[in-house]
Every structure is written in structure tokens, then in C-alpha cells.
């Protein structure tokens, strides 16, 4: 879970985002009923672009990814026109609904869990013909420092044998207490 860095920005943009999502949903419903009017989808793309920009301001990576996917699918539907399939509309409807609920969750709890959006994001990506995101996509990875440079030891065979024996003795000495503790279990 990540704390929302600036909940005030989400409070400011949320009404506009909700209004745009409601408009997009209504316009998609209108297009489904009357597929002869592709101009409806142009306004949808513009509204989703505004939603995407607002979510970038709020810095919600999962919501940004979902909005980008919705825009891609909507453009794809716009290009297909009458040939658009039901899966595209189902992905759009599901994505819009989940995005609205997710923003409500983030606003109430002041915590962003972009992993919650992965099923909807992957459904939208599948409708757009893209590969799904893996489960750890939104998890922050710890960055490890670079390994130190290794210097090669120049040892004679006798010195190497003595060093190996010494390391072996240290290993065995350290292993004895570990093995004794396991014998009690």
C-alpha cells in the first residue's frame, strides 16, 4: 500500500473525473445503440484524455495505466466502427466502473493500491490486443548497489591448498552449532 502523496489534488480533480467518466459511459452507450455516428467516440476520446491528465496530476500509477488502456481501446473501437466487438465494449464498461470505484477507495482511505486494478487493466489490455501486466508490475523493487570489484588472488598451489583447508575448518566449526540445534527439534 502506498500513501497518497497529495490527497488534496485528488479531492480537487475527483468531481471532474467522475463527470467525464459518466459522460464517456453515456456516449459509449449511445454509440452501442447507434453505431452509425462515429463522432460520438471522438468526444469520448477527448474526455478520457482529460481523465488521464487529471490522474497524472494526482499521481496514481494504476489509475493512469487503466485510463491509458481505456483510451487505446476506445480509439480501436473508433477505428473499427461497426465492426467493433462486444468484448471491447465490455472492457470499456468494466474499466470505467472499476476506475470510478478505485478513485472513491483512494479518496476514502488515502492509500493507493494499484494492484487492485490489475484485473481490469489486463482485461482492457486484452481487448486492445496487448500482453497482460504481471502481478508484480506495481510493486516497488529495491535497488541494490553495484557489486564491488573483485580482485584476483595470485596464489601458489600450496598457498591455495592451505587457504581452502582454513576456510573448510571455519565452515565446519560454524556448522556444528546449527546442526546441534536441529537435532533438538
C-alpha atoms as a PDB file:
ATOM      1  CA  UNK A   1       0.000   0.000   0.000  1.00  0.00           C
ATOM      2  CA  UNK A   2       1.254   3.450  -0.873  1.00  0.00           C
ATOM      3  CA  UNK A   3       0.102   6.578   0.866  1.00  0.00           C
ATOM      4  CA  UNK A   4      -1.378   9.160  -1.458  1.00  0.00           C
ATOM      5  CA  UNK A   5       1.208  11.920  -1.510  1.00  0.00           C
ATOM      6  CA  UNK A   6      -1.298  14.730  -2.018  1.00  0.00           C
ATOM      7  CA  UNK A   7      -4.905  13.819  -1.192  1.00  0.00           C
ATOM      8  CA  UNK A   8      -5.958  17.429  -1.810  1.00  0.00           C
ATOM      9  CA  UNK A   9      -5.165  17.091  -5.507  1.00  0.00           C
ATOM     10  CA  UNK A  10      -7.408  14.024  -5.729  1.00  0.00           C
ATOM     11  CA  UNK A  11     -10.173  15.900  -3.888  1.00  0.00           C
ATOM     12  CA  UNK A  12      -9.897  18.715  -6.435  1.00  0.00           C
ATOM     13  CA  UNK A  13      -9.939  16.570  -9.569  1.00  0.00           C
ATOM     14  CA  UNK A  14     -12.380  13.872  -8.454  1.00  0.00           C
ATOM     15  CA  UNK A  15     -15.642  15.677  -9.368  1.00  0.00           C
ATOM     16  CA  UNK A  16     -14.329  16.470 -12.852  1.00  0.00           C
ATOM     17  CA  UNK A  17     -13.044  12.933 -13.363  1.00  0.00           C
ATOM     18  CA  UNK A  18     -16.379  11.472 -12.255  1.00  0.00           C
ATOM     19  CA  UNK A  19     -18.275  13.794 -14.605  1.00  0.00           C
ATOM     20  CA  UNK A  20     -16.013  12.874 -17.532  1.00  0.00           C
ATOM     21  CA  UNK A  21     -16.329   9.145 -16.800  1.00  0.00           C
ATOM     22  CA  UNK A  22     -20.124   9.466 -16.645  1.00  0.00           C
ATOM     23  CA  UNK A  23     -20.088  11.312 -19.986  1.00  0.00           C
ATOM     24  CA  UNK A  24     -17.865   8.662 -21.552  1.00  0.00           C
ATOM     25  CA  UNK A  25     -20.135   5.905 -20.292  1.00  0.00           C
ATOM     26  CA  UNK A  26     -23.238   7.659 -21.663  1.00  0.00           C
ATOM     27  CA  UNK A  27     -21.560   8.333 -25.011  1.00  0.00           C
ATOM     28  CA  UNK A  28     -20.432   4.725 -25.356  1.00  0.00           C
ATOM     29  CA  UNK A  29     -23.980   3.578 -24.614  1.00  0.00           C
ATOM     30  CA  UNK A  30     -25.234   5.958 -27.308  1.00  0.00           C
ATOM     31  CA  UNK A  31     -22.711   4.578 -29.786  1.00  0.00           C
ATOM     32  CA  UNK A  32     -23.676   0.990 -28.998  1.00  0.00           C
ATOM     33  CA  UNK A  33     -27.295   1.853 -29.800  1.00  0.00           C
ATOM     34  CA  UNK A  34     -26.449   3.920 -32.902  1.00  0.00           C
ATOM     35  CA  UNK A  35     -23.191   2.720 -34.462  1.00  0.00           C
ATOM     36  CA  UNK A  36     -23.708   4.955 -37.494  1.00  0.00           C
ATOM     37  CA  UNK A  37     -22.475   8.024 -35.601  1.00  0.00           C
ATOM     38  CA  UNK A  38     -18.685   7.728 -35.041  1.00  0.00           C
ATOM     39  CA  UNK A  39     -18.449  11.389 -33.961  1.00  0.00           C
ATOM     40  CA  UNK A  40     -19.692  10.310 -30.538  1.00  0.00           C
ATOM     41  CA  UNK A  41     -16.463   8.400 -29.966  1.00  0.00           C
ATOM     42  CA  UNK A  42     -14.325  11.451 -30.742  1.00  0.00           C
ATOM     43  CA  UNK A  43     -15.800  13.222 -27.723  1.00  0.00           C
ATOM     44  CA  UNK A  44     -15.222  10.063 -25.647  1.00  0.00           C
ATOM     45  CA  UNK A  45     -11.539  10.007 -26.540  1.00  0.00           C
ATOM     46  CA  UNK A  46     -11.223  13.679 -25.579  1.00  0.00           C
ATOM     47  CA  UNK A  47     -12.956  13.092 -22.235  1.00  0.00           C
ATOM     48  CA  UNK A  48     -10.746  10.088 -21.451  1.00  0.00           C
ATOM     49  CA  UNK A  49      -7.688  12.144 -22.357  1.00  0.00           C
ATOM     50  CA  UNK A  50      -8.803  14.731 -19.771  1.00  0.00           C
ATOM     51  CA  UNK A  51      -9.264  11.968 -17.195  1.00  0.00           C
ATOM     52  CA  UNK A  52      -5.777  10.668 -17.969  1.00  0.00           C
ATOM     53  CA  UNK A  53      -4.269  14.137 -17.475  1.00  0.00           C
ATOM     54  CA  UNK A  54      -6.097  14.646 -14.187  1.00  0.00           C
ATOM     55  CA  UNK A  55      -4.910  11.276 -12.897  1.00  0.00           C
ATOM     56  CA  UNK A  56      -1.342  12.190 -13.790  1.00  0.00           C
ATOM     57  CA  UNK A  57      -1.726  15.271 -11.593  1.00  0.00           C
ATOM     58  CA  UNK A  58      -2.932  13.094  -8.713  1.00  0.00           C
ATOM     59  CA  UNK A  59      -0.023  10.680  -9.370  1.00  0.00           C
ATOM     60  CA  UNK A  60      -1.991   7.418  -9.249  1.00  0.00           C
ATOM     61  CA  UNK A  61       0.012   4.964 -11.398  1.00  0.00           C
ATOM     62  CA  UNK A  62      -2.596   2.191 -11.573  1.00  0.00           C
ATOM     63  CA  UNK A  63      -5.376   4.596 -12.495  1.00  0.00           C
ATOM     64  CA  UNK A  64      -3.121   6.230 -15.099  1.00  0.00           C
ATOM     65  CA  UNK A  65      -2.395   2.837 -16.662  1.00  0.00           C
ATOM     66  CA  UNK A  66      -6.093   1.963 -16.746  1.00  0.00           C
ATOM     67  CA  UNK A  67      -7.024   5.322 -18.307  1.00  0.00           C
ATOM     68  CA  UNK A  68      -4.333   4.849 -20.988  1.00  0.00           C
ATOM     69  CA  UNK A  69      -5.688   1.389 -21.752  1.00  0.00           C
ATOM     70  CA  UNK A  70      -9.252   2.672 -21.954  1.00  0.00           C
ATOM     71  CA  UNK A  71      -8.135   5.357 -24.402  1.00  0.00           C
ATOM     72  CA  UNK A  72      -6.382   2.748 -26.564  1.00  0.00           C
ATOM     73  CA  UNK A  73      -9.447   0.511 -26.654  1.00  0.00           C
ATOM     74  CA  UNK A  74     -11.708   3.459 -27.405  1.00  0.00           C
ATOM     75  CA  UNK A  75      -9.502   4.509 -30.320  1.00  0.00           C
ATOM     76  CA  UNK A  76      -9.522   0.919 -31.525  1.00  0.00           C
ATOM     77  CA  UNK A  77     -13.343   0.874 -31.383  1.00  0.00           C
ATOM     78  CA  UNK A  78     -13.368   4.197 -33.213  1.00  0.00           C
ATOM     79  CA  UNK A  79     -11.195   2.719 -35.977  1.00  0.00           C
ATOM     80  CA  UNK A  80     -13.314  -0.433 -36.241  1.00  0.00           C
ATOM     81  CA  UNK A  81     -16.616   1.435 -36.303  1.00  0.00           C
ATOM     82  CA  UNK A  82     -19.462  -1.030 -36.937  1.00  0.00           C
ATOM     83  CA  UNK A  83     -17.039  -3.975 -36.709  1.00  0.00           C
ATOM     84  CA  UNK A  84     -16.296  -3.334 -33.014  1.00  0.00           C
ATOM     85  CA  UNK A  85     -16.915  -6.441 -30.931  1.00  0.00           C
ATOM     86  CA  UNK A  86     -18.800  -6.824 -27.642  1.00  0.00           C
ATOM     87  CA  UNK A  87     -15.590  -7.640 -25.744  1.00  0.00           C
ATOM     88  CA  UNK A  88     -14.321  -4.126 -26.476  1.00  0.00           C
ATOM     89  CA  UNK A  89     -17.454  -2.551 -25.029  1.00  0.00           C
ATOM     90  CA  UNK A  90     -17.417  -4.912 -22.052  1.00  0.00           C
ATOM     91  CA  UNK A  91     -13.793  -3.988 -21.307  1.00  0.00           C
ATOM     92  CA  UNK A  92     -14.613  -0.283 -21.607  1.00  0.00           C
ATOM     93  CA  UNK A  93     -17.629  -0.542 -19.308  1.00  0.00           C
ATOM     94  CA  UNK A  94     -15.792  -2.640 -16.744  1.00  0.00           C
ATOM     95  CA  UNK A  95     -12.742  -0.355 -16.822  1.00  0.00           C
ATOM     96  CA  UNK A  96     -14.787   2.817 -16.362  1.00  0.00           C
ATOM     97  CA  UNK A  97     -16.736   1.295 -13.468  1.00  0.00           C
ATOM     98  CA  UNK A  98     -13.610  -0.028 -11.728  1.00  0.00           C
ATOM     99  CA  UNK A  99     -11.770   3.273 -12.202  1.00  0.00           C
ATOM    100  CA  UNK A 100     -14.597   5.200 -10.549  1.00  0.00           C
ATOM    101  CA  UNK A 101     -14.750   2.803  -7.599  1.00  0.00           C
ATOM    102  CA  UNK A 102     -10.965   2.808  -7.227  1.00  0.00           C
ATOM    103  CA  UNK A 103     -10.828   6.611  -7.055  1.00  0.00           C
ATOM    104  CA  UNK A 104     -13.527   6.532  -4.389  1.00  0.00           C
ATOM    105  CA  UNK A 105     -11.499   3.961  -2.425  1.00  0.00           C
ATOM    106  CA  UNK A 106      -8.307   6.020  -2.685  1.00  0.00           C
ATOM    107  CA  UNK A 107     -10.118   9.155  -1.600  1.00  0.00           C
ATOM    108  CA  UNK A 108     -11.684   7.468   1.427  1.00  0.00           C
ATOM    109  CA  UNK A 109      -8.615   5.577   2.626  1.00  0.00           C
ATOM    110  CA  UNK A 110      -5.860   7.947   1.462  1.00  0.00           C
ATOM    111  CA  UNK A 111      -3.986   4.891   0.219  1.00  0.00           C
ATOM    112  CA  UNK A 112      -3.333   3.751  -3.339  1.00  0.00           C
ATOM    113  CA  UNK A 113      -3.278   0.042  -4.164  1.00  0.00           C
ATOM    114  CA  UNK A 114      -2.697  -0.087  -7.929  1.00  0.00           C
ATOM    115  CA  UNK A 115      -2.559  -3.904  -7.713  1.00  0.00           C
ATOM    116  CA  UNK A 116      -6.337  -3.825  -7.227  1.00  0.00           C
ATOM    117  CA  UNK A 117      -6.685  -2.521 -10.774  1.00  0.00           C
ATOM    118  CA  UNK A 118      -4.670  -5.298 -12.434  1.00  0.00           C
ATOM    119  CA  UNK A 119      -7.660  -7.469 -13.450  1.00  0.00           C
ATOM    120  CA  UNK A 120      -9.394  -4.504 -15.096  1.00  0.00           C
ATOM    121  CA  UNK A 121      -6.147  -3.282 -16.668  1.00  0.00           C
ATOM    122  CA  UNK A 122      -5.450  -6.738 -18.078  1.00  0.00           C
ATOM    123  CA  UNK A 123      -8.998  -7.024 -19.434  1.00  0.00           C
ATOM    124  CA  UNK A 124      -8.587  -3.676 -21.192  1.00  0.00           C
ATOM    125  CA  UNK A 125      -5.135  -4.661 -22.471  1.00  0.00           C
ATOM    126  CA  UNK A 126      -6.540  -7.932 -23.816  1.00  0.00           C
ATOM    127  CA  UNK A 127      -9.259  -6.005 -25.652  1.00  0.00           C
ATOM    128  CA  UNK A 128      -6.527  -3.767 -27.109  1.00  0.00           C
ATOM    129  CA  UNK A 129      -4.520  -6.821 -28.187  1.00  0.00           C
ATOM    130  CA  UNK A 130      -1.695  -6.240 -25.714  1.00  0.00           C
ATOM    131  CA  UNK A 131       0.039  -8.610 -23.334  1.00  0.00           C
ATOM    132  CA  UNK A 132      -1.237  -8.593 -19.727  1.00  0.00           C
ATOM    133  CA  UNK A 133       0.758  -6.986 -16.943  1.00  0.00           C
ATOM    134  CA  UNK A 134       2.294  -9.356 -14.401  1.00  0.00           C
ATOM    135  CA  UNK A 135       1.156  -9.351 -10.778  1.00  0.00           C
ATOM    136  CA  UNK A 136       4.238  -7.528  -9.515  1.00  0.00           C
ATOM    137  CA  UNK A 137       4.058  -4.709 -12.056  1.00  0.00           C
ATOM    138  CA  UNK A 138       3.194  -2.033  -9.487  1.00  0.00           C
ATOM    139  CA  UNK A 139       5.370  -3.354  -6.659  1.00  0.00           C
ATOM    140  CA  UNK A 140       8.401  -1.197  -5.941  1.00  0.00           C
ATOM    141  CA  UNK A 141      11.677  -3.048  -6.277  1.00  0.00           C
ATOM    142  CA  UNK A 142      14.606  -2.351  -4.017  1.00  0.00           C
ATOM    143  CA  UNK A 143      17.608  -1.201  -5.973  1.00  0.00           C
ATOM    144  CA  UNK A 144      20.763  -2.918  -4.880  1.00  0.00           C
ATOM    145  CA  UNK A 145      24.136  -1.206  -5.167  1.00  0.00           C
ATOM    146  CA  UNK A 146      26.577  -2.474  -7.735  1.00  0.00           C
ATOM    147  CA  UNK A 147      28.777  -5.335  -6.605  1.00  0.00           C
ATOM    148  CA  UNK A 148      32.295  -4.324  -5.606  1.00  0.00           C
ATOM    149  CA  UNK A 149      35.102  -5.084  -7.986  1.00  0.00           C
ATOM    150  CA  UNK A 150      36.684  -8.486  -7.376  1.00  0.00           C
ATOM    151  CA  UNK A 151      40.455  -8.727  -7.394  1.00  0.00           C
ATOM    152  CA  UNK A 152      42.090 -11.933  -8.410  1.00  0.00           C
ATOM    153  CA  UNK A 153      44.400 -13.523  -5.844  1.00  0.00           C
ATOM    154  CA  UNK A 154      47.721 -14.702  -7.121  1.00  0.00           C
ATOM    155  CA  UNK A 155      48.384 -17.801  -5.029  1.00  0.00           C
ATOM    156  CA  UNK A 156      50.696 -20.695  -5.463  1.00  0.00           C
ATOM    157  CA  UNK A 157      49.126 -24.192  -5.319  1.00  0.00           C
ATOM    158  CA  UNK A 158      50.481 -24.711  -1.782  1.00  0.00           C
ATOM    159  CA  UNK A 159      49.022 -21.389  -0.597  1.00  0.00           C
ATOM    160  CA  UNK A 160      45.669 -22.191  -2.247  1.00  0.00           C
ATOM    161  CA  UNK A 161      45.532 -25.597  -0.532  1.00  0.00           C
ATOM    162  CA  UNK A 162      46.264 -24.006   2.861  1.00  0.00           C
ATOM    163  CA  UNK A 163      43.577 -21.347   2.284  1.00  0.00           C
ATOM    164  CA  UNK A 164      40.957 -23.938   1.278  1.00  0.00           C
ATOM    165  CA  UNK A 165      41.725 -26.042   4.390  1.00  0.00           C
ATOM    166  CA  UNK A 166      41.410 -22.983   6.602  1.00  0.00           C
ATOM    167  CA  UNK A 167      38.058 -21.949   5.051  1.00  0.00           C
ATOM    168  CA  UNK A 168      36.799 -25.560   5.336  1.00  0.00           C
ATOM    169  CA  UNK A 169      37.697 -25.648   9.049  1.00  0.00           C
ATOM    170  CA  UNK A 170      35.891 -22.323   9.636  1.00  0.00           C
ATOM    171  CA  UNK A 171      32.810 -23.616   7.777  1.00  0.00           C
ATOM    172  CA  UNK A 172      32.715 -26.860   9.776  1.00  0.00           C
ATOM    173  CA  UNK A 173      33.193 -25.006  13.056  1.00  0.00           C
ATOM    174  CA  UNK A 174      30.271 -22.712  12.211  1.00  0.00           C
ATOM    175  CA  UNK A 175      28.072 -25.581  11.010  1.00  0.00           C
ATOM    176  CA  UNK A 176      28.313 -27.634  14.225  1.00  0.00           C
ATOM    177  CA  UNK A 177      26.062 -25.338  16.346  1.00  0.00           C
ATOM    178  CA  UNK A 178      23.482 -25.196  13.563  1.00  0.00           C
ATOM    179  CA  UNK A 179      23.330 -28.980  13.307  1.00  0.00           C
ATOM    180  CA  UNK A 180      23.103 -29.375  17.095  1.00  0.00           C
ATOM    181  CA  UNK A 181      20.090 -27.006  17.259  1.00  0.00           C
ATOM    182  CA  UNK A 182      18.312 -29.001  14.589  1.00  0.00           C
ATOM    183  CA  UNK A 183      18.833 -32.241  16.498  1.00  0.00           C
ATOM    184  CA  UNK A 184      16.597 -30.955  19.334  1.00  0.00           C
ATOM    185  CA  UNK A 185      13.650 -30.343  17.033  1.00  0.00           C
END
